[in-house]
Amino acid sequence: MENYVIPSPRNDGMTYSYCGSSGLMLSRIALGFWHNFGWTRGSDSQLPKDFCRCRDIVEYAFDHGVTYFDLANNYGPPFGSAEECFGKILKQSLGEHRDEMIIATKAGHEMWPGPYGEWGSRKSLMASIDQSLKRMKLDYVDIFYSHRYDPRTPLQETMQALVDIVRSGKALYAGISKYPPQMAAQAYKYLADHDVPCLVFQGKYNMMVRDDEAEILPQAAANGVGYVAFSPLNQGLLTDRYLNGVPEGSRMTHSQFLKPEDLSGDYMDMIRSIDAQARAEGRTIAQYALRWILRRPEVTSVIVGASSVEQLAQNLEAVK
């Protein structure tokens, strides 16, 4: 383990908010591991260069008050590598501060071949939590999410698996992600009836994707459930990266989720308008977009990704 020392003073302006009606506070900005934390597996004595970059980002986040770290079993690529990477970071430098962190993971999207490697069956969720704990070398996670609604599995089966995972001590809280409103309502009721209330709903929410405003946000608030927003920068489109076209080597050049045709004329006009408003306030467009989400009282935290310490540092300025 490296001789890691937390700087003093720490937190550097980070603020925290209670998650729904629970007693758990989350940092207003969380660090997400969907992209940028996949790595080439190596031994502890020969860790690849990208691992060092990942460690620097995580340590910087923790040094500056980020306490919520958001993972999933299939984050990488390759699948599972983000959890492995995070586990090694904990082993090398941050492990003794485990009780100062909220570590979340999820299961429900494709993870391994065959009929049990995705969706929401009891078989899949029970195997997934055990695998995730093994990859991160943890006894428990703070939040375990059902990553998506499974229309083929009875809802009570998925929810009972979450109840049993919490009761077993493998997770402290249960959450759901991307559930349609009707199914979310049933999930909230089942979990509450079984004395494991849903802590948090995680959904995609940003200035350009506002579907959750109509039902999901007020529904979560009415049920005492916190809301965590992912993709707050719309996969980088709400940044200055694409203001002048598609840079060579950017995510849009190789991602299945982002395509150059996403930068339509109307879209670019909106982005440039938002950028002008942000500059008028002395902020970057990313900071402006993050603050726009955090203004909502239902929103507990927003999850940002980062490919460098510099990028993370700029986004953390949004809470100041």
C-alpha atoms as a PDB file:
ATOM      1  CA  MET A   1       0.000   0.000   0.000  1.00  0.00           C
ATOM      2  CA  GLU A   2       1.256   3.457  -0.853  1.00  0.00           C
ATOM      3  CA  ASN A   3       1.815   6.041   1.850  1.00  0.00           C
ATOM      4  CA  TYR A   4      -1.408   7.852   1.009  1.00  0.00           C
ATOM      5  CA  VAL A   5      -2.217  10.899   3.127  1.00  0.00           C
ATOM      6  CA  ILE A   6      -5.495  12.827   2.922  1.00  0.00           C
ATOM      7  CA  PRO A   7      -4.765  16.514   2.410  1.00  0.00           C
ATOM      8  CA  SER A   8      -5.763  19.012   5.056  1.00  0.00           C
ATOM      9  CA  PRO A   9      -8.065  20.828   4.769  1.00  0.00           C
ATOM     10  CA  ARG A  10     -10.139  18.460   2.643  1.00  0.00           C
ATOM     11  CA  ASN A  11     -13.553  18.482   0.888  1.00  0.00           C
ATOM     12  CA  ASP A  12     -12.763  21.840  -0.746  1.00  0.00           C
ATOM     13  CA  GLY A  13     -16.330  23.124  -0.954  1.00  0.00           C
ATOM     14  CA  MET A  14     -18.172  19.855  -1.564  1.00  0.00           C
ATOM     15  CA  THR A  15     -21.743  19.821  -0.263  1.00  0.00           C
ATOM     16  CA  TYR A  16     -23.896  16.867   0.780  1.00  0.00           C
ATOM     17  CA  SER A  17     -27.594  16.071   0.688  1.00  0.00           C
ATOM     18  CA  TYR A  18     -29.794  13.528   2.456  1.00  0.00           C
ATOM     19  CA  CYS A  19     -30.959  10.767   0.125  1.00  0.00           C
ATOM     20  CA  GLY A  20     -34.738  10.872   0.179  1.00  0.00           C
ATOM     21  CA  SER A  21     -36.143  10.407   3.687  1.00  0.00           C
ATOM     22  CA  SER A  22     -33.169   8.328   4.833  1.00  0.00           C
ATOM     23  CA  GLY A  23     -30.385   9.356   7.167  1.00  0.00           C
ATOM     24  CA  LEU A  24     -27.753   8.778   4.457  1.00  0.00           C
ATOM     25  CA  MET A  25     -26.033  11.781   2.909  1.00  0.00           C
ATOM     26  CA  LEU A  26     -24.459  11.648  -0.538  1.00  0.00           C
ATOM     27  CA  SER A  27     -21.938  14.033  -2.017  1.00  0.00           C
ATOM     28  CA  ARG A  28     -23.729  16.279  -4.486  1.00  0.00           C
ATOM     29  CA  ILE A  29     -21.330  15.133  -7.168  1.00  0.00           C
ATOM     30  CA  ALA A  30     -20.476  11.443  -7.465  1.00  0.00           C
ATOM     31  CA  LEU A  31     -17.761   9.740  -9.482  1.00  0.00           C
ATOM     32  CA  GLY A  32     -19.065   7.261 -12.060  1.00  0.00           C
ATOM     33  CA  PHE A  33     -17.134   4.347 -13.551  1.00  0.00           C
ATOM     34  CA  TRP A  34     -19.150   3.615 -16.697  1.00  0.00           C
ATOM     35  CA  HIS A  35     -16.376   4.758 -19.024  1.00  0.00           C
ATOM     36  CA  ASN A  36     -12.705   5.563 -18.431  1.00  0.00           C
ATOM     37  CA  PHE A  37     -12.062   2.909 -15.762  1.00  0.00           C
ATOM     38  CA  GLY A  38     -11.714  -0.182 -17.898  1.00  0.00           C
ATOM     39  CA  TRP A  39      -8.123  -1.351 -17.888  1.00  0.00           C
ATOM     40  CA  THR A  40      -5.751  -4.004 -19.114  1.00  0.00           C
ATOM     41  CA  ARG A  41      -5.488  -6.550 -16.348  1.00  0.00           C
ATOM     42  CA  GLY A  42      -2.036  -6.884 -14.804  1.00  0.00           C
ATOM     43  CA  SER A  43      -0.299  -7.978 -11.632  1.00  0.00           C
ATOM     44  CA  ASP A  44       0.149  -5.686  -8.635  1.00  0.00           C
ATOM     45  CA  SER A  45       3.856  -5.461  -9.432  1.00  0.00           C
ATOM     46  CA  GLN A  46       3.257  -4.482 -13.062  1.00  0.00           C
ATOM     47  CA  LEU A  47       0.161  -2.320 -13.071  1.00  0.00           C
ATOM     48  CA  PRO A  48      -0.613  -0.759 -16.465  1.00  0.00           C
ATOM     49  CA  LYS A  49      -0.330   2.967 -17.027  1.00  0.00           C
ATOM     50  CA  ASP A  50      -4.092   3.422 -17.306  1.00  0.00           C
ATOM     51  CA  PHE A  51      -4.482   2.027 -13.795  1.00  0.00           C
ATOM     52  CA  CYS A  52      -2.295   4.831 -12.449  1.00  0.00           C
ATOM     53  CA  ARG A  53      -4.497   7.394 -14.211  1.00  0.00           C
ATOM     54  CA  CYS A  54      -7.615   5.790 -12.733  1.00  0.00           C
ATOM     55  CA  ARG A  55      -6.096   5.801  -9.241  1.00  0.00           C
ATOM     56  CA  ASP A  56      -5.169   9.468  -9.536  1.00  0.00           C
ATOM     57  CA  ILE A  57      -8.759  10.364 -10.503  1.00  0.00           C
ATOM     58  CA  VAL A  58     -10.309   8.398  -7.634  1.00  0.00           C
ATOM     59  CA  GLU A  59      -7.862   9.792  -5.075  1.00  0.00           C
ATOM     60  CA  TYR A  60      -8.457  13.336  -6.301  1.00  0.00           C
ATOM     61  CA  ALA A  61     -12.210  12.841  -6.047  1.00  0.00           C
ATOM     62  CA  PHE A  62     -11.953  11.555  -2.483  1.00  0.00           C
ATOM     63  CA  ASP A  63      -9.491  14.296  -1.529  1.00  0.00           C
ATOM     64  CA  HIS A  64     -12.030  16.892  -2.690  1.00  0.00           C
ATOM     65  CA  GLY A  65     -15.072  15.579  -0.870  1.00  0.00           C
ATOM     66  CA  VAL A  66     -16.572  13.036  -3.259  1.00  0.00           C
ATOM     67  CA  THR A  67     -17.844  10.200  -1.097  1.00  0.00           C
ATOM     68  CA  TYR A  68     -20.193   8.411  -3.524  1.00  0.00           C
ATOM     69  CA  PHE A  69     -18.540   6.070  -6.054  1.00  0.00           C
ATOM     70  CA  ASP A  70     -20.904   4.532  -8.609  1.00  0.00           C
ATOM     71  CA  LEU A  71     -20.057   1.239 -10.341  1.00  0.00           C
ATOM     72  CA  ALA A  72     -21.824  -1.696 -12.010  1.00  0.00           C
ATOM     73  CA  ASN A  73     -20.839  -5.290 -12.591  1.00  0.00           C
ATOM     74  CA  ASN A  74     -20.392  -4.821 -16.353  1.00  0.00           C
ATOM     75  CA  TYR A  75     -18.567  -1.473 -16.361  1.00  0.00           C
ATOM     76  CA  GLY A  76     -15.284  -1.518 -18.225  1.00  0.00           C
ATOM     77  CA  PRO A  77     -14.504  -2.507 -20.846  1.00  0.00           C
ATOM     78  CA  PRO A  78     -13.951  -5.387 -20.468  1.00  0.00           C
ATOM     79  CA  PHE A  79     -16.882  -6.325 -18.236  1.00  0.00           C
ATOM     80  CA  GLY A  80     -15.918  -6.339 -14.568  1.00  0.00           C
ATOM     81  CA  SER A  81     -12.681  -4.449 -15.028  1.00  0.00           C
ATOM     82  CA  ALA A  82     -13.944  -1.200 -13.470  1.00  0.00           C
ATOM     83  CA  GLU A  83     -14.756  -3.049 -10.240  1.00  0.00           C
ATOM     84  CA  GLU A  84     -11.384  -4.815 -10.342  1.00  0.00           C
ATOM     85  CA  CYS A  85      -9.646  -1.493 -10.899  1.00  0.00           C
ATOM     86  CA  PHE A  86     -11.498   0.130  -8.006  1.00  0.00           C
ATOM     87  CA  GLY A  87     -10.707  -2.821  -5.762  1.00  0.00           C
ATOM     88  CA  LYS A  88      -7.003  -2.410  -6.447  1.00  0.00           C
ATOM     89  CA  ILE A  89      -7.222   1.322  -5.725  1.00  0.00           C
ATOM     90  CA  LEU A  90      -8.800   0.538  -2.370  1.00  0.00           C
ATOM     91  CA  LYS A  91      -6.060  -1.990  -1.662  1.00  0.00           C
ATOM     92  CA  GLN A  92      -3.265   0.387  -2.622  1.00  0.00           C
ATOM     93  CA  SER A  93      -4.315   3.629  -0.997  1.00  0.00           C
ATOM     94  CA  LEU A  94      -7.899   4.244   0.085  1.00  0.00           C
ATOM     95  CA  GLY A  95      -8.909   1.019   1.828  1.00  0.00           C
ATOM     96  CA  GLU A  96      -8.486   2.314   5.356  1.00  0.00           C
ATOM     97  CA  HIS A  97     -11.028   5.045   4.538  1.00  0.00           C
ATOM     98  CA  ARG A  98     -13.742   2.567   3.494  1.00  0.00           C
ATOM     99  CA  ASP A  99     -16.171   3.808   6.147  1.00  0.00           C
ATOM    100  CA  GLU A 100     -15.983   7.327   4.690  1.00  0.00           C
ATOM    101  CA  MET A 101     -17.244   6.119   1.301  1.00  0.00           C
ATOM    102  CA  ILE A 102     -20.548   5.188  -0.273  1.00  0.00           C
ATOM    103  CA  ILE A 103     -19.770   2.450  -2.791  1.00  0.00           C
ATOM    104  CA  ALA A 104     -22.588   1.403  -5.118  1.00  0.00           C
ATOM    105  CA  THR A 105     -22.817  -1.280  -7.760  1.00  0.00           C
ATOM    106  CA  LYS A 106     -25.576  -2.662  -9.988  1.00  0.00           C
ATOM    107  CA  ALA A 107     -26.649  -5.743 -11.897  1.00  0.00           C
ATOM    108  CA  GLY A 108     -29.133  -6.253 -14.707  1.00  0.00           C
ATOM    109  CA  HIS A 109     -27.376  -5.552 -17.992  1.00  0.00           C
ATOM    110  CA  GLU A 110     -25.353  -8.148 -19.900  1.00  0.00           C
ATOM    111  CA  MET A 111     -22.423  -9.423 -17.843  1.00  0.00           C
ATOM    112  CA  TRP A 112     -21.661 -13.028 -18.797  1.00  0.00           C
ATOM    113  CA  PRO A 113     -22.931 -15.413 -21.530  1.00  0.00           C
ATOM    114  CA  GLY A 114     -26.062 -17.469 -21.171  1.00  0.00           C
ATOM    115  CA  PRO A 115     -29.518 -16.893 -19.698  1.00  0.00           C
ATOM    116  CA  TYR A 116     -28.352 -15.976 -16.175  1.00  0.00           C
ATOM    117  CA  GLY A 117     -25.847 -13.262 -17.030  1.00  0.00           C
ATOM    118  CA  GLU A 118     -28.289 -10.358 -17.224  1.00  0.00           C
ATOM    119  CA  TRP A 119     -31.776  -9.120 -16.302  1.00  0.00           C
ATOM    120  CA  GLY A 120     -33.396  -9.474 -12.895  1.00  0.00           C
ATOM    121  CA  SER A 121     -33.817 -13.077 -11.835  1.00  0.00           C
ATOM    122  CA  ARG A 122     -32.877 -14.080  -8.306  1.00  0.00           C
ATOM    123  CA  LYS A 123     -30.215 -16.367  -9.785  1.00  0.00           C
ATOM    124  CA  SER A 124     -28.601 -13.488 -11.683  1.00  0.00           C
ATOM    125  CA  LEU A 125     -28.706 -10.900  -8.880  1.00  0.00           C
ATOM    126  CA  MET A 126     -27.395 -13.266  -6.205  1.00  0.00           C
ATOM    127  CA  ALA A 127     -24.491 -14.339  -8.404  1.00  0.00           C
ATOM    128  CA  SER A 128     -23.795 -10.746  -9.407  1.00  0.00           C
ATOM    129  CA  ILE A 129     -23.476  -9.339  -5.889  1.00  0.00           C
ATOM    130  CA  ASP A 130     -21.075 -12.125  -4.915  1.00  0.00           C
ATOM    131  CA  GLN A 131     -18.960 -11.554  -8.019  1.00  0.00           C
ATOM    132  CA  SER A 132     -18.888  -7.786  -7.501  1.00  0.00           C
ATOM    133  CA  LEU A 133     -17.765  -8.124  -3.883  1.00  0.00           C
ATOM    134  CA  LYS A 134     -15.032 -10.526  -4.961  1.00  0.00           C
ATOM    135  CA  ARG A 135     -13.777  -8.172  -7.680  1.00  0.00           C
ATOM    136  CA  MET A 136     -13.673  -5.195  -5.319  1.00  0.00           C
ATOM    137  CA  LYS A 137     -12.449  -7.306  -2.367  1.00  0.00           C
ATOM    138  CA  LEU A 138     -15.218  -5.921  -0.160  1.00  0.00           C
ATOM    139  CA  ASP A 139     -17.442  -7.466   2.498  1.00  0.00           C
ATOM    140  CA  TYR A 140     -20.379  -5.310   1.445  1.00  0.00           C
ATOM    141  CA  VAL A 141     -21.447  -2.435  -0.791  1.00  0.00           C
ATOM    142  CA  ASP A 142     -23.441   0.495   0.489  1.00  0.00           C
ATOM    143  CA  ILE A 143     -26.010   0.489  -2.335  1.00  0.00           C
ATOM    144  CA  PHE A 144     -26.970  -2.376  -4.629  1.00  0.00           C
ATOM    145  CA  TYR A 145     -29.185  -1.474  -7.595  1.00  0.00           C
ATOM    146  CA  SER A 146     -31.398  -3.442  -9.889  1.00  0.00           C
ATOM    147  CA  HIS A 147     -29.903  -1.857 -13.001  1.00  0.00           C
ATOM    148  CA  ARG A 148     -33.022  -2.109 -15.166  1.00  0.00           C
ATOM    149  CA  TYR A 149     -36.563  -3.438 -15.030  1.00  0.00           C
ATOM    150  CA  ASP A 150     -36.910  -7.002 -16.294  1.00  0.00           C
ATOM    151  CA  PRO A 151     -40.282  -7.489 -18.035  1.00  0.00           C
ATOM    152  CA  ARG A 152     -39.786 -11.260 -18.129  1.00  0.00           C
ATOM    153  CA  THR A 153     -39.228 -11.801 -14.409  1.00  0.00           C
ATOM    154  CA  PRO A 154     -41.967 -11.241 -11.800  1.00  0.00           C
ATOM    155  CA  LEU A 155     -41.225  -7.969 -10.043  1.00  0.00           C
ATOM    156  CA  GLN A 156     -41.562  -9.583  -6.630  1.00  0.00           C
ATOM    157  CA  GLU A 157     -38.749 -12.018  -7.487  1.00  0.00           C
ATOM    158  CA  THR A 158     -36.351  -9.179  -8.324  1.00  0.00           C
ATOM    159  CA  MET A 159     -37.382  -7.136  -5.288  1.00  0.00           C
ATOM    160  CA  GLN A 160     -37.174 -10.103  -2.917  1.00  0.00           C
ATOM    161  CA  ALA A 161     -33.618 -10.710  -4.132  1.00  0.00           C
ATOM    162  CA  LEU A 162     -32.792  -7.096  -3.197  1.00  0.00           C
ATOM    163  CA  VAL A 163     -34.437  -7.571   0.206  1.00  0.00           C
ATOM    164  CA  ASP A 164     -32.431 -10.724   0.874  1.00  0.00           C
ATOM    165  CA  ILE A 165     -29.169  -9.142  -0.298  1.00  0.00           C
ATOM    166  CA  VAL A 166     -29.655  -6.295   2.176  1.00  0.00           C
ATOM    167  CA  ARG A 167     -30.675  -8.651   4.994  1.00  0.00           C
ATOM    168  CA  SER A 168     -27.632 -10.812   4.334  1.00  0.00           C
ATOM    169  CA  GLY A 169     -25.363  -7.803   4.946  1.00  0.00           C
ATOM    170  CA  LYS A 170     -23.950  -7.818   1.414  1.00  0.00           C
ATOM    171  CA  ALA A 171     -25.513  -4.381   0.824  1.00  0.00           C
ATOM    172  CA  LEU A 172     -26.740  -1.728   3.231  1.00  0.00           C
ATOM    173  CA  TYR A 173     -29.379  -0.191   0.949  1.00  0.00           C
ATOM    174  CA  ALA A 174     -31.351  -1.151  -2.158  1.00  0.00           C
ATOM    175  CA  GLY A 175     -31.945   0.983  -5.232  1.00  0.00           C
ATOM    176  CA  ILE A 176     -33.482   0.743  -8.687  1.00  0.00           C
ATOM    177  CA  SER A 177     -32.446   2.287 -11.988  1.00  0.00           C
ATOM    178  CA  LYS A 178     -34.307   3.156 -15.186  1.00  0.00           C
ATOM    179  CA  TYR A 179     -37.607   1.570 -14.074  1.00  0.00           C
ATOM    180  CA  PRO A 180     -40.764   2.883 -15.773  1.00  0.00           C
ATOM    181  CA  PRO A 181     -43.046   4.783 -13.355  1.00  0.00           C
ATOM    182  CA  GLN A 182     -45.646   2.023 -12.925  1.00  0.00           C
ATOM    183  CA  MET A 183     -43.002  -0.573 -12.099  1.00  0.00           C
ATOM    184  CA  ALA A 184     -41.133   1.853  -9.857  1.00  0.00           C
ATOM    185  CA  ALA A 185     -44.330   2.383  -7.846  1.00  0.00           C
ATOM    186  CA  GLN A 186     -44.708  -1.376  -7.345  1.00  0.00           C
ATOM    187  CA  ALA A 187     -41.045  -1.713  -6.424  1.00  0.00           C
ATOM    188  CA  TYR A 188     -41.311   1.040  -3.817  1.00  0.00           C
ATOM    189  CA  LYS A 189     -44.341  -0.636  -2.255  1.00  0.00           C
ATOM    190  CA  TYR A 190     -42.847  -4.128  -2.186  1.00  0.00           C
ATOM    191  CA  LEU A 191     -39.604  -2.958  -0.618  1.00  0.00           C
ATOM    192  CA  ALA A 192     -41.368  -0.801   1.957  1.00  0.00           C
ATOM    193  CA  ASP A 193     -43.744  -3.653   2.859  1.00  0.00           C
ATOM    194  CA  HIS A 194     -40.708  -5.860   3.500  1.00  0.00           C
ATOM    195  CA  ASP A 195     -38.930  -3.277   5.702  1.00  0.00           C
ATOM    196  CA  VAL A 196     -36.148  -2.623   3.187  1.00  0.00           C
ATOM    197  CA  PRO A 197     -37.303   0.718   1.761  1.00  0.00           C
ATOM    198  CA  CYS A 198     -35.903   1.771  -1.586  1.00  0.00           C
ATOM    199  CA  LEU A 199     -33.166   4.302  -0.934  1.00  0.00           C
ATOM    200  CA  VAL A 200     -32.658   5.750  -4.394  1.00  0.00           C
ATOM    201  CA  PHE A 201     -33.780   5.830  -8.007  1.00  0.00           C
ATOM    202  CA  GLN A 202     -31.069   6.370 -10.605  1.00  0.00           C
ATOM    203  CA  GLY A 203     -32.136   7.816 -13.941  1.00  0.00           C
ATOM    204  CA  LYS A 204     -30.820   9.631 -16.986  1.00  0.00           C
ATOM    205  CA  TYR A 205     -31.437  13.338 -16.589  1.00  0.00           C
ATOM    206  CA  ASN A 206     -29.857  16.400 -18.143  1.00  0.00           C
ATOM    207  CA  MET A 207     -30.817  19.637 -19.892  1.00  0.00           C
ATOM    208  CA  MET A 208     -31.573  17.758 -23.108  1.00  0.00           C
ATOM    209  CA  VAL A 209     -33.115  14.573 -21.660  1.00  0.00           C
ATOM    210  CA  ARG A 210     -35.905  15.563 -19.283  1.00  0.00           C
ATOM    211  CA  ASP A 211     -38.315  12.605 -19.410  1.00  0.00           C
ATOM    212  CA  ASP A 212     -38.006  11.930 -15.655  1.00  0.00           C
ATOM    213  CA  GLU A 213     -39.401  15.352 -14.748  1.00  0.00           C
ATOM    214  CA  ALA A 214     -42.992  14.371 -15.538  1.00  0.00           C
ATOM    215  CA  GLU A 215     -43.458  11.342 -13.246  1.00  0.00           C
ATOM    216  CA  ILE A 216     -40.252   9.815 -11.913  1.00  0.00           C
ATOM    217  CA  LEU A 217     -38.967  12.814  -9.932  1.00  0.00           C
ATOM    218  CA  PRO A 218     -42.245  13.658  -8.145  1.00  0.00           C
ATOM    219  CA  GLN A 219     -42.950   9.951  -7.603  1.00  0.00           C
ATOM    220  CA  ALA A 220     -39.570   9.413  -5.950  1.00  0.00           C
ATOM    221  CA  ALA A 221     -40.048  12.440  -3.706  1.00  0.00           C
ATOM    222  CA  ALA A 222     -43.549  11.291  -2.678  1.00  0.00           C
ATOM    223  CA  ASN A 223     -42.137   7.907  -1.657  1.00  0.00           C
ATOM    224  CA  GLY A 224     -39.185   9.295   0.268  1.00  0.00           C
ATOM    225  CA  VAL A 225     -36.761   8.003  -2.370  1.00  0.00           C
ATOM    226  CA  GLY A 226     -33.675   9.953  -3.394  1.00  0.00           C
ATOM    227  CA  TYR A 227     -32.867  10.610  -7.043  1.00  0.00           C
ATOM    228  CA  VAL A 228     -29.411  10.291  -8.577  1.00  0.00           C
ATOM    229  CA  ALA A 229     -28.885  11.563 -12.124  1.00  0.00           C
ATOM    230  CA  PHE A 230     -26.549   9.823 -14.536  1.00  0.00           C
ATOM    231  CA  SER A 231     -25.347  11.217 -17.860  1.00  0.00           C
ATOM    232  CA  PRO A 232     -25.767  14.811 -16.607  1.00  0.00           C
ATOM    233  CA  LEU A 233     -23.602  16.075 -19.461  1.00  0.00           C
ATOM    234  CA  ASN A 234     -25.387  13.943 -22.069  1.00  0.00           C
ATOM    235  CA  GLN A 235     -22.273  11.840 -22.708  1.00  0.00           C
ATOM    236  CA  GLY A 236     -20.123  14.896 -23.226  1.00  0.00           C
ATOM    237  CA  LEU A 237     -22.459  16.770 -25.569  1.00  0.00           C
ATOM    238  CA  LEU A 238     -23.081  19.349 -22.834  1.00  0.00           C
ATOM    239  CA  THR A 239     -19.426  20.327 -22.741  1.00  0.00           C
ATOM    240  CA  ASP A 240     -17.218  22.458 -24.938  1.00  0.00           C
ATOM    241  CA  ARG A 241     -15.681  19.366 -26.536  1.00  0.00           C
ATOM    242  CA  TYR A 242     -17.943  19.323 -29.590  1.00  0.00           C
ATOM    243  CA  LEU A 243     -18.610  23.024 -30.045  1.00  0.00           C
ATOM    244  CA  ASN A 244     -16.399  23.086 -33.118  1.00  0.00           C
ATOM    245  CA  GLY A 245     -16.933  19.603 -34.509  1.00  0.00           C
ATOM    246  CA  VAL A 246     -15.717  16.143 -33.536  1.00  0.00           C
ATOM    247  CA  PRO A 247     -12.145  16.126 -32.169  1.00  0.00           C
ATOM    248  CA  GLU A 248      -9.893  13.284 -33.243  1.00  0.00           C
ATOM    249  CA  GLY A 249      -9.765  10.560 -30.589  1.00  0.00           C
ATOM    250  CA  SER A 250     -12.901  11.753 -28.775  1.00  0.00           C
ATOM    251  CA  ARG A 251     -15.512   9.249 -27.559  1.00  0.00           C
ATOM    252  CA  MET A 252     -17.750  10.071 -30.537  1.00  0.00           C
ATOM    253  CA  THR A 253     -15.176   8.597 -32.917  1.00  0.00           C
ATOM    254  CA  HIS A 254     -15.481   5.099 -31.416  1.00  0.00           C
ATOM    255  CA  SER A 255     -18.593   4.898 -29.194  1.00  0.00           C
ATOM    256  CA  GLN A 256     -21.715   2.914 -30.032  1.00  0.00           C
ATOM    257  CA  PHE A 257     -23.717   5.420 -27.973  1.00  0.00           C
ATOM    258  CA  LEU A 258     -22.520   8.650 -29.605  1.00  0.00           C
ATOM    259  CA  LYS A 259     -22.617   9.358 -33.327  1.00  0.00           C
ATOM    260  CA  PRO A 260     -21.577  12.461 -35.341  1.00  0.00           C
ATOM    261  CA  GLU A 261     -25.174  12.757 -36.564  1.00  0.00           C
ATOM    262  CA  ASP A 262     -26.152  13.594 -32.957  1.00  0.00           C
ATOM    263  CA  LEU A 263     -24.645  17.020 -33.615  1.00  0.00           C
ATOM    264  CA  SER A 264     -27.491  18.298 -35.751  1.00  0.00           C
ATOM    265  CA  GLY A 265     -27.762  21.980 -36.602  1.00  0.00           C
ATOM    266  CA  ASP A 266     -30.622  22.568 -34.141  1.00  0.00           C
ATOM    267  CA  TYR A 267     -28.787  20.737 -31.392  1.00  0.00           C
ATOM    268  CA  MET A 268     -25.611  22.723 -31.928  1.00  0.00           C
ATOM    269  CA  ASP A 269     -27.586  25.965 -31.872  1.00  0.00           C
ATOM    270  CA  MET A 270     -28.976  25.000 -28.449  1.00  0.00           C
ATOM    271  CA  ILE A 271     -25.544  24.009 -27.133  1.00  0.00           C
ATOM    272  CA  ARG A 272     -23.970  27.265 -28.273  1.00  0.00           C
ATOM    273  CA  SER A 273     -26.808  29.201 -26.644  1.00  0.00           C
ATOM    274  CA  ILE A 274     -26.263  27.360 -23.355  1.00  0.00           C
ATOM    275  CA  ASP A 275     -22.522  27.935 -23.660  1.00  0.00           C
ATOM    276  CA  ALA A 276     -23.110  31.674 -24.034  1.00  0.00           C
ATOM    277  CA  GLN A 277     -25.275  31.707 -20.889  1.00  0.00           C
ATOM    278  CA  ALA A 278     -22.621  29.763 -18.982  1.00  0.00           C
ATOM    279  CA  ARG A 279     -19.857  32.126 -20.042  1.00  0.00           C
ATOM    280  CA  ALA A 280     -21.964  35.080 -18.946  1.00  0.00           C
ATOM    281  CA  GLU A 281     -21.971  33.568 -15.460  1.00  0.00           C
ATOM    282  CA  GLY A 282     -18.239  32.852 -15.568  1.00  0.00           C
ATOM    283  CA  ARG A 283     -18.722  29.094 -15.823  1.00  0.00           C
ATOM    284  CA  THR A 284     -18.050  26.346 -18.311  1.00  0.00           C
ATOM    285  CA  ILE A 285     -20.997  24.785 -20.085  1.00  0.00           C
ATOM    286  CA  ALA A 286     -20.418  21.578 -18.070  1.00  0.00           C
ATOM    287  CA  GLN A 287     -20.532  23.429 -14.753  1.00  0.00           C
ATOM    288  CA  TYR A 288     -23.662  25.243 -15.878  1.00  0.00           C
ATOM    289  CA  ALA A 289     -25.354  21.971 -16.862  1.00  0.00           C
ATOM    290  CA  LEU A 290     -24.485  20.320 -13.541  1.00  0.00           C
ATOM    291  CA  ARG A 291     -25.820  23.246 -11.536  1.00  0.00           C
ATOM    292  CA  TRP A 292     -29.006  23.189 -13.627  1.00  0.00           C
ATOM    293  CA  ILE A 293     -29.691  19.610 -12.419  1.00  0.00           C
ATOM    294  CA  LEU A 294     -28.690  20.244  -8.816  1.00  0.00           C
ATOM    295  CA  ARG A 295     -31.203  23.088  -8.542  1.00  0.00           C
ATOM    296  CA  ARG A 296     -33.966  20.462  -8.317  1.00  0.00           C
ATOM    297  CA  PRO A 297     -34.820  19.630  -4.682  1.00  0.00           C
ATOM    298  CA  GLU A 298     -35.578  16.007  -5.636  1.00  0.00           C
ATOM    299  CA  VAL A 299     -32.027  15.443  -6.913  1.00  0.00           C
ATOM    300  CA  THR A 300     -29.636  14.095  -4.311  1.00  0.00           C
ATOM    301  CA  SER A 301     -26.526  13.711  -6.461  1.00  0.00           C
ATOM    302  CA  VAL A 302     -25.262  13.752 -10.045  1.00  0.00           C
ATOM    303  CA  ILE A 303     -22.792  11.217 -11.400  1.00  0.00           C
ATOM    304  CA  VAL A 304     -19.924  12.530 -13.496  1.00  0.00           C
ATOM    305  CA  GLY A 305     -17.357  10.532 -15.388  1.00  0.00           C
ATOM    306  CA  ALA A 306     -13.790  11.686 -15.812  1.00  0.00           C
ATOM    307  CA  SER A 307     -10.945  10.765 -18.124  1.00  0.00           C
ATOM    308  CA  SER A 308      -8.441  12.967 -16.277  1.00  0.00           C
ATOM    309  CA  VAL A 309      -7.920  14.739 -12.974  1.00  0.00           C
ATOM    310  CA  GLU A 310      -8.158  18.068 -14.786  1.00  0.00           C
ATOM    311  CA  GLN A 311     -11.590  17.246 -16.198  1.00  0.00           C
ATOM    312  CA  LEU A 312     -12.867  16.117 -12.790  1.00  0.00           C
ATOM    313  CA  ALA A 313     -11.483  19.211 -11.064  1.00  0.00           C
ATOM    314  CA  GLN A 314     -13.313  21.475 -13.489  1.00  0.00           C
ATOM    315  CA  ASN A 315     -16.623  19.662 -12.941  1.00  0.00           C
ATOM    316  CA  LEU A 316     -16.296  19.725  -9.141  1.00  0.00           C
ATOM    317  CA  GLU A 317     -16.288  23.515  -9.351  1.00  0.00           C
ATOM    318  CA  ALA A 318     -20.019  23.286 -10.112  1.00  0.00           C
ATOM    319  CA  VAL A 319     -20.879  22.856  -6.415  1.00  0.00           C
ATOM    320  CA  LYS A 320     -19.008  25.979  -5.312  1.00  0.00           C
END
